[in-house]
């Protein structure tokens, strides 16, 4: 349990360097690091560098590529741009079911790309039929660097401040997900929830200074990010609800889970079921939680 917490704190905490840990389950570390850009997008370059290093170990290479294609294909795209992977390395993965977004990153290398997307009805293909019109920057970052969504996702406080100084934003104004985002979330969130989701601490606090306020929906998205800074600064008892257990379980934020345990917030048999459901492939973790809290 201590080693798992150490990994999580290294990935989701304030440390600037990500190192491959020793003496831990390497599969668990790989699972955690390939999903990190979803929640800490400004750490993408560090994640790519670590994946490059891990791929030098032949026994890990195929597993890492597969996990990246399924979880965060932009890592593969970045490795390709760095000449660490060729399209031949990636081609077999573009043919796997459910890897539609990976196909769109490499559409220029796929002769029958247009015919493929015409046959698909999945959400990403409906949105990405004009992929060739997207710039490389949007494929890399999800947004134009001069958009408010980019500021909120990558915590660009200075540019966000420029936006706020030019016009007044309604607290209900929406930030829209990029077609290159990773999941089936609603098409948009209010600005504060969007910043909270990505743990963009500086941008989030700037919005608060400009009259935005935290509610239960915003707080739930803070929990998604795993940001301890925002969690503690925005914590109010009325925001506590059963969903928090589900969120920290789904997003594997162990530090927040420990906090909820320590404060005995909705820990019951149903909560334990949720933990086992999300971590059913991590028996050592579940055993540690069960032993420390229920035995």
Protein backbone atom coordinates (compact mmCIF):
# COMPACT_ATOMS: atom_id res chain seq x y z
CA UNK A 1 0.00 0.00 0.00
CA UNK A 2 2.82 2.42 0.84
CA UNK A 3 4.48 1.80 -2.53
CA UNK A 4 1.19 2.41 -4.36
CA UNK A 5 0.67 5.65 -2.46
CA UNK A 6 4.23 6.70 -3.28
CA UNK A 7 3.59 6.16 -6.99
CA UNK A 8 0.33 8.10 -6.85
CA UNK A 9 1.94 11.00 -5.01
CA UNK A 10 4.76 11.11 -7.57
CA UNK A 11 2.31 11.13 -10.48
CA UNK A 12 -0.49 13.30 -9.10
CA UNK A 13 1.45 15.42 -6.61
CA UNK A 14 3.60 18.46 -7.16
CA UNK A 15 6.80 16.59 -8.05
CA UNK A 16 8.18 17.70 -11.40
CA UNK A 17 10.16 14.55 -12.19
CA UNK A 18 8.57 11.17 -12.90
CA UNK A 19 10.94 8.29 -12.29
CA UNK A 20 10.47 4.60 -12.90
CA UNK A 21 10.17 3.19 -9.37
CA UNK A 22 11.98 0.12 -8.19
CA UNK A 23 10.52 -2.70 -6.16
CA UNK A 24 6.92 -2.21 -7.31
CA UNK A 25 4.61 -4.02 -9.70
CA UNK A 26 5.65 -2.58 -13.05
CA UNK A 27 2.27 -3.39 -14.62
CA UNK A 28 0.54 -1.26 -12.01
CA UNK A 29 2.96 1.60 -12.69
CA UNK A 30 2.39 1.38 -16.45
CA UNK A 31 -1.40 1.33 -15.97
CA UNK A 32 -1.15 4.48 -13.85
CA UNK A 33 1.26 6.42 -16.01
CA UNK A 34 -0.52 5.90 -19.35
CA UNK A 35 -3.74 7.35 -17.93
CA UNK A 36 -1.98 10.28 -16.23
CA UNK A 37 -2.32 12.69 -19.23
CA UNK A 38 -6.10 12.38 -18.93
CA UNK A 39 -5.97 14.05 -15.52
CA UNK A 40 -2.66 15.91 -15.65
CA UNK A 41 -2.34 16.93 -19.33
CA UNK A 42 0.51 19.34 -18.61
CA UNK A 43 2.62 16.30 -17.63
CA UNK A 44 2.24 14.67 -21.04
CA UNK A 45 5.84 15.27 -22.10
CA UNK A 46 7.15 13.62 -18.93
CA UNK A 47 4.85 10.65 -19.50
CA UNK A 48 6.04 10.29 -23.09
CA UNK A 49 9.68 10.32 -21.95
CA UNK A 50 9.01 7.62 -19.36
CA UNK A 51 7.14 5.46 -21.89
CA UNK A 52 10.07 5.80 -24.30
CA UNK A 53 12.38 4.64 -21.55
CA UNK A 54 10.12 1.72 -20.62
CA UNK A 55 9.79 0.64 -24.26
CA UNK A 56 13.52 0.04 -24.39
CA UNK A 57 12.77 -3.05 -22.31
CA UNK A 58 11.69 -5.51 -24.99
CA UNK A 59 9.48 -7.50 -22.63
CA UNK A 60 7.44 -4.38 -21.85
CA UNK A 61 7.30 -2.76 -25.28
CA UNK A 62 4.20 -4.41 -26.78
CA UNK A 63 2.24 -4.17 -23.54
CA UNK A 64 2.99 -0.45 -23.18
CA UNK A 65 2.06 0.34 -26.79
CA UNK A 66 -1.21 -1.58 -26.44
CA UNK A 67 -2.13 0.17 -23.19
CA UNK A 68 -1.33 3.57 -24.68
CA UNK A 69 -3.43 2.93 -27.79
CA UNK A 70 -6.41 1.96 -25.65
CA UNK A 71 -6.03 4.60 -22.94
CA UNK A 72 -4.19 7.64 -24.28
CA UNK A 73 -3.25 7.40 -27.99
CA UNK A 74 -1.68 10.85 -28.00
CA UNK A 75 1.27 9.24 -26.18
CA UNK A 76 1.77 6.99 -29.22
CA UNK A 77 1.46 9.97 -31.54
CA UNK A 78 4.08 11.88 -29.57
CA UNK A 79 6.45 8.90 -29.60
CA UNK A 80 5.94 8.67 -33.35
CA UNK A 81 6.77 12.36 -33.82
CA UNK A 82 9.94 11.82 -31.76
CA UNK A 83 10.92 8.98 -34.14
CA UNK A 84 10.73 6.49 -31.29
CA UNK A 85 8.03 4.52 -33.13
CA UNK A 86 7.40 3.96 -36.82
CA UNK A 87 4.00 3.50 -38.38
CA UNK A 88 4.90 -0.15 -38.91
CA UNK A 89 5.21 -0.44 -35.12
CA UNK A 90 1.74 1.03 -34.76
CA UNK A 91 -0.11 -0.33 -37.78
CA UNK A 92 -1.31 -3.56 -36.17
CA UNK A 93 -2.92 -1.58 -33.33
CA UNK A 94 -4.89 0.64 -35.72
CA UNK A 95 -6.65 -2.52 -36.89
CA UNK A 96 -7.92 -3.43 -33.42
CA UNK A 97 -11.55 -2.89 -32.54
CA UNK A 98 -12.16 0.25 -30.50
CA UNK A 99 -9.03 2.10 -31.62
CA UNK A 100 -10.84 4.65 -33.74
CA UNK A 101 -9.07 7.65 -32.26
CA UNK A 102 -5.67 6.08 -32.96
CA UNK A 103 -6.70 5.71 -36.60
CA UNK A 104 -7.48 9.42 -36.76
CA UNK A 105 -4.06 10.38 -35.43
CA UNK A 106 -2.45 8.41 -38.26
CA UNK A 107 -4.97 9.01 -41.03
CA UNK A 108 -2.25 10.12 -43.44
CA UNK A 109 -0.66 6.68 -43.20
CA UNK A 110 -3.89 4.76 -43.81
CA UNK A 111 -4.86 4.60 -47.52
CA UNK A 112 -8.49 3.63 -46.88
CA UNK A 113 -9.07 6.13 -44.05
CA UNK A 114 -12.04 7.82 -45.73
CA UNK A 115 -13.82 4.54 -46.41
CA UNK A 116 -13.18 3.37 -42.83
CA UNK A 117 -14.78 6.39 -41.20
CA UNK A 118 -17.78 6.24 -43.53
CA UNK A 119 -18.49 2.73 -42.27
CA UNK A 120 -18.31 3.74 -38.62
CA UNK A 121 -21.08 5.20 -36.51
CA UNK A 122 -19.14 5.65 -33.27
CA UNK A 123 -19.12 9.10 -31.69
CA UNK A 124 -15.47 9.82 -32.43
CA UNK A 125 -15.92 9.04 -36.11
CA UNK A 126 -18.97 11.25 -36.44
CA UNK A 127 -16.92 14.11 -35.02
CA UNK A 128 -13.63 13.29 -36.69
CA UNK A 129 -14.74 12.92 -40.29
CA UNK A 130 -13.01 16.22 -40.96
CA UNK A 131 -9.78 15.13 -39.29
CA UNK A 132 -7.72 16.38 -42.18
CA UNK A 133 -8.88 19.86 -41.33
CA UNK A 134 -7.41 19.72 -37.84
CA UNK A 135 -4.00 21.24 -37.26
CA UNK A 136 -1.19 19.23 -35.69
CA UNK A 137 -1.48 21.42 -32.60
CA UNK A 138 -5.10 20.40 -32.08
CA UNK A 139 -4.20 16.73 -32.53
CA UNK A 140 -1.40 17.13 -30.00
CA UNK A 141 -3.15 19.26 -27.40
CA UNK A 142 -6.84 18.87 -28.17
CA UNK A 143 -7.31 22.63 -28.60
CA UNK A 144 -5.91 25.67 -30.29
CA UNK A 145 -3.44 27.23 -27.81
CA UNK A 146 -5.39 30.49 -28.08
CA UNK A 147 -8.68 28.96 -26.91
CA UNK A 148 -10.10 29.29 -23.41
CA UNK A 149 -10.36 25.48 -23.24
CA UNK A 150 -6.61 25.21 -23.75
CA UNK A 151 -6.00 27.67 -20.91
CA UNK A 152 -8.21 25.69 -18.53
CA UNK A 153 -6.85 22.28 -19.51
CA UNK A 154 -3.17 23.21 -19.41
CA UNK A 155 -3.43 25.76 -16.61
CA UNK A 156 -2.26 28.72 -18.70
CA UNK A 157 -3.19 31.38 -16.17
CA UNK A 158 -1.70 34.34 -18.05
CA UNK A 159 -3.63 33.73 -21.26
CA UNK A 160 -6.80 33.02 -19.28
CA UNK A 161 -6.33 36.35 -17.52
CA UNK A 162 -6.19 38.01 -20.95
CA UNK A 163 -9.52 36.39 -21.84
CA UNK A 164 -11.10 37.56 -18.59
CA UNK A 165 -9.80 41.11 -19.00
CA UNK A 166 -11.31 41.39 -22.49
CA UNK A 167 -14.80 40.12 -21.67
CA UNK A 168 -16.90 39.09 -18.71
CA UNK A 169 -17.81 35.43 -18.68
CA UNK A 170 -21.09 34.21 -17.26
CA UNK A 171 -20.52 31.54 -14.55
CA UNK A 172 -22.60 29.20 -16.71
CA UNK A 173 -20.44 29.77 -19.80
CA UNK A 174 -19.32 26.44 -21.26
CA UNK A 175 -15.96 24.95 -22.19
CA UNK A 176 -16.33 22.30 -24.89
CA UNK A 177 -14.49 18.99 -25.05
CA UNK A 178 -12.11 18.48 -27.93
CA UNK A 179 -12.96 15.74 -30.46
CA UNK A 180 -9.60 14.30 -29.41
CA UNK A 181 -10.66 13.95 -25.80
CA UNK A 182 -10.67 10.50 -24.34
CA UNK A 183 -14.10 9.66 -23.02
CA UNK A 184 -17.85 9.99 -23.42
CA UNK A 185 -18.38 12.93 -21.12
CA UNK A 186 -21.08 15.56 -21.73
CA UNK A 187 -20.17 17.80 -24.65
CA UNK A 188 -19.29 20.66 -22.33
CA UNK A 189 -18.76 21.75 -18.72
CA UNK A 190 -18.95 25.14 -17.08
CA UNK A 191 -15.54 26.82 -16.93
CA UNK A 192 -14.89 26.17 -13.24
CA UNK A 193 -15.81 22.48 -13.51
CA UNK A 194 -13.59 22.17 -16.58
CA UNK A 195 -10.60 23.67 -14.76
CA UNK A 196 -11.35 21.57 -11.70
CA UNK A 197 -11.52 18.37 -13.73
CA UNK A 198 -7.97 18.87 -14.97
CA UNK A 199 -6.63 20.10 -11.64
CA UNK A 200 -5.65 23.43 -13.19
CA UNK A 201 -4.99 25.07 -9.82
CA UNK A 202 -3.86 28.51 -10.99
CA UNK A 203 -6.63 28.92 -13.56
CA UNK A 204 -9.23 27.64 -11.11
CA UNK A 205 -8.21 30.17 -8.46
CA UNK A 206 -8.19 32.96 -11.04
CA UNK A 207 -11.79 32.13 -11.93
CA UNK A 208 -12.71 32.30 -8.25
CA UNK A 209 -11.18 35.77 -8.07
CA UNK A 210 -13.38 36.74 -11.00
CA UNK A 211 -16.65 35.85 -9.29
CA UNK A 212 -17.06 32.17 -10.05
CA UNK A 213 -18.20 29.97 -7.17
CA UNK A 214 -17.89 26.31 -6.21
CA UNK A 215 -20.93 24.04 -6.09
CA UNK A 216 -21.35 20.28 -5.73
CA UNK A 217 -20.85 19.65 -9.46
CA UNK A 218 -17.62 21.65 -9.48
CA UNK A 219 -16.43 19.85 -6.35
CA UNK A 220 -17.10 16.44 -7.90
CA UNK A 221 -14.88 17.43 -10.82
CA UNK A 222 -12.15 18.54 -8.44
CA UNK A 223 -12.28 15.04 -6.98
CA UNK A 224 -11.91 13.65 -10.52
CA UNK A 225 -8.62 15.52 -10.85
CA UNK A 226 -7.23 14.24 -7.56
CA UNK A 227 -5.89 17.71 -6.74
CA UNK A 228 -5.38 17.79 -2.99
CA UNK A 229 -4.80 21.55 -3.16
CA UNK A 230 -8.20 22.24 -4.72
CA UNK A 231 -9.93 19.55 -2.65
CA UNK A 232 -8.89 21.04 0.67
CA UNK A 233 -9.31 24.67 -0.38
CA UNK A 234 -12.86 24.08 -1.69
CA UNK A 235 -13.99 21.46 0.83
CA UNK A 236 -17.40 22.11 2.38
CA UNK A 237 -19.48 19.54 4.21
CA UNK A 238 -22.51 20.11 1.98
CA UNK A 239 -20.51 18.91 -1.01
CA UNK A 240 -19.97 15.46 0.50
CA UNK A 241 -21.99 12.75 -1.17
CA UNK A 242 -21.86 9.08 -1.94
CA UNK A 243 -20.59 9.76 -5.49
CA UNK A 244 -17.23 10.81 -4.09
CA UNK A 245 -16.41 7.21 -3.20
CA UNK A 246 -17.26 6.11 -6.74
CA UNK A 247 -15.18 8.93 -8.24
CA UNK A 248 -12.02 8.36 -6.21
CA UNK A 249 -12.35 4.62 -6.88
CA UNK A 250 -12.79 5.06 -10.62
CA UNK A 251 -9.91 7.53 -10.89
CA UNK A 252 -7.71 5.65 -8.38
CA UNK A 253 -6.96 8.69 -6.23
CA UNK A 254 -5.68 6.89 -3.18
CA UNK A 255 -4.75 9.96 -1.17
CA UNK A 256 -8.32 11.23 -1.38
CA UNK A 257 -9.62 7.77 -0.66
CA UNK A 258 -7.54 7.65 2.50
CA UNK A 259 -8.96 11.02 3.51
CA UNK A 260 -12.52 9.76 3.03
CA UNK A 261 -11.70 6.63 4.98
CA UNK A 262 -10.08 8.56 7.80
CA UNK A 263 -13.10 10.84 8.09
CA UNK A 264 -15.53 7.90 7.84
CA UNK A 265 -17.45 9.40 4.94
CA UNK A 266 -20.04 6.91 3.63
CA UNK A 267 -17.89 3.87 4.16
CA UNK A 268 -20.26 0.91 4.18
CA UNK A 269 -20.58 -2.44 2.44
CA UNK A 270 -21.84 -0.80 -0.73
CA UNK A 271 -18.78 1.45 -0.81
CA UNK A 272 -16.50 -1.56 -0.40
CA UNK A 273 -18.26 -3.20 -3.34
CA UNK A 274 -17.50 -0.12 -5.45
CA UNK A 275 -13.81 -0.36 -4.53
CA UNK A 276 -13.63 -4.00 -5.51
CA UNK A 277 -15.52 -3.30 -8.72
CA UNK A 278 -13.04 -0.67 -9.90
CA UNK A 279 -9.93 -2.42 -8.58
CA UNK A 280 -10.87 -6.03 -9.20
CA UNK A 281 -7.52 -6.66 -10.88
CA UNK A 282 -5.53 -5.35 -7.93
CA UNK A 283 -6.04 -7.86 -5.14
CA UNK A 284 -3.10 -6.59 -3.11
CA UNK A 285 -4.58 -3.08 -3.06
CA UNK A 286 -8.03 -4.30 -2.09
CA UNK A 287 -6.56 -6.54 0.59
CA UNK A 288 -4.57 -3.65 2.02
CA UNK A 289 -7.64 -1.41 2.15
CA UNK A 290 -9.79 -4.15 3.65
CA UNK A 291 -7.19 -5.12 6.25
CA UNK A 292 -6.41 -1.56 7.34
CA UNK A 293 -10.02 -0.41 7.58
CA UNK A 294 -12.19 -3.43 8.32
CA UNK A 295 -10.07 -5.95 10.23
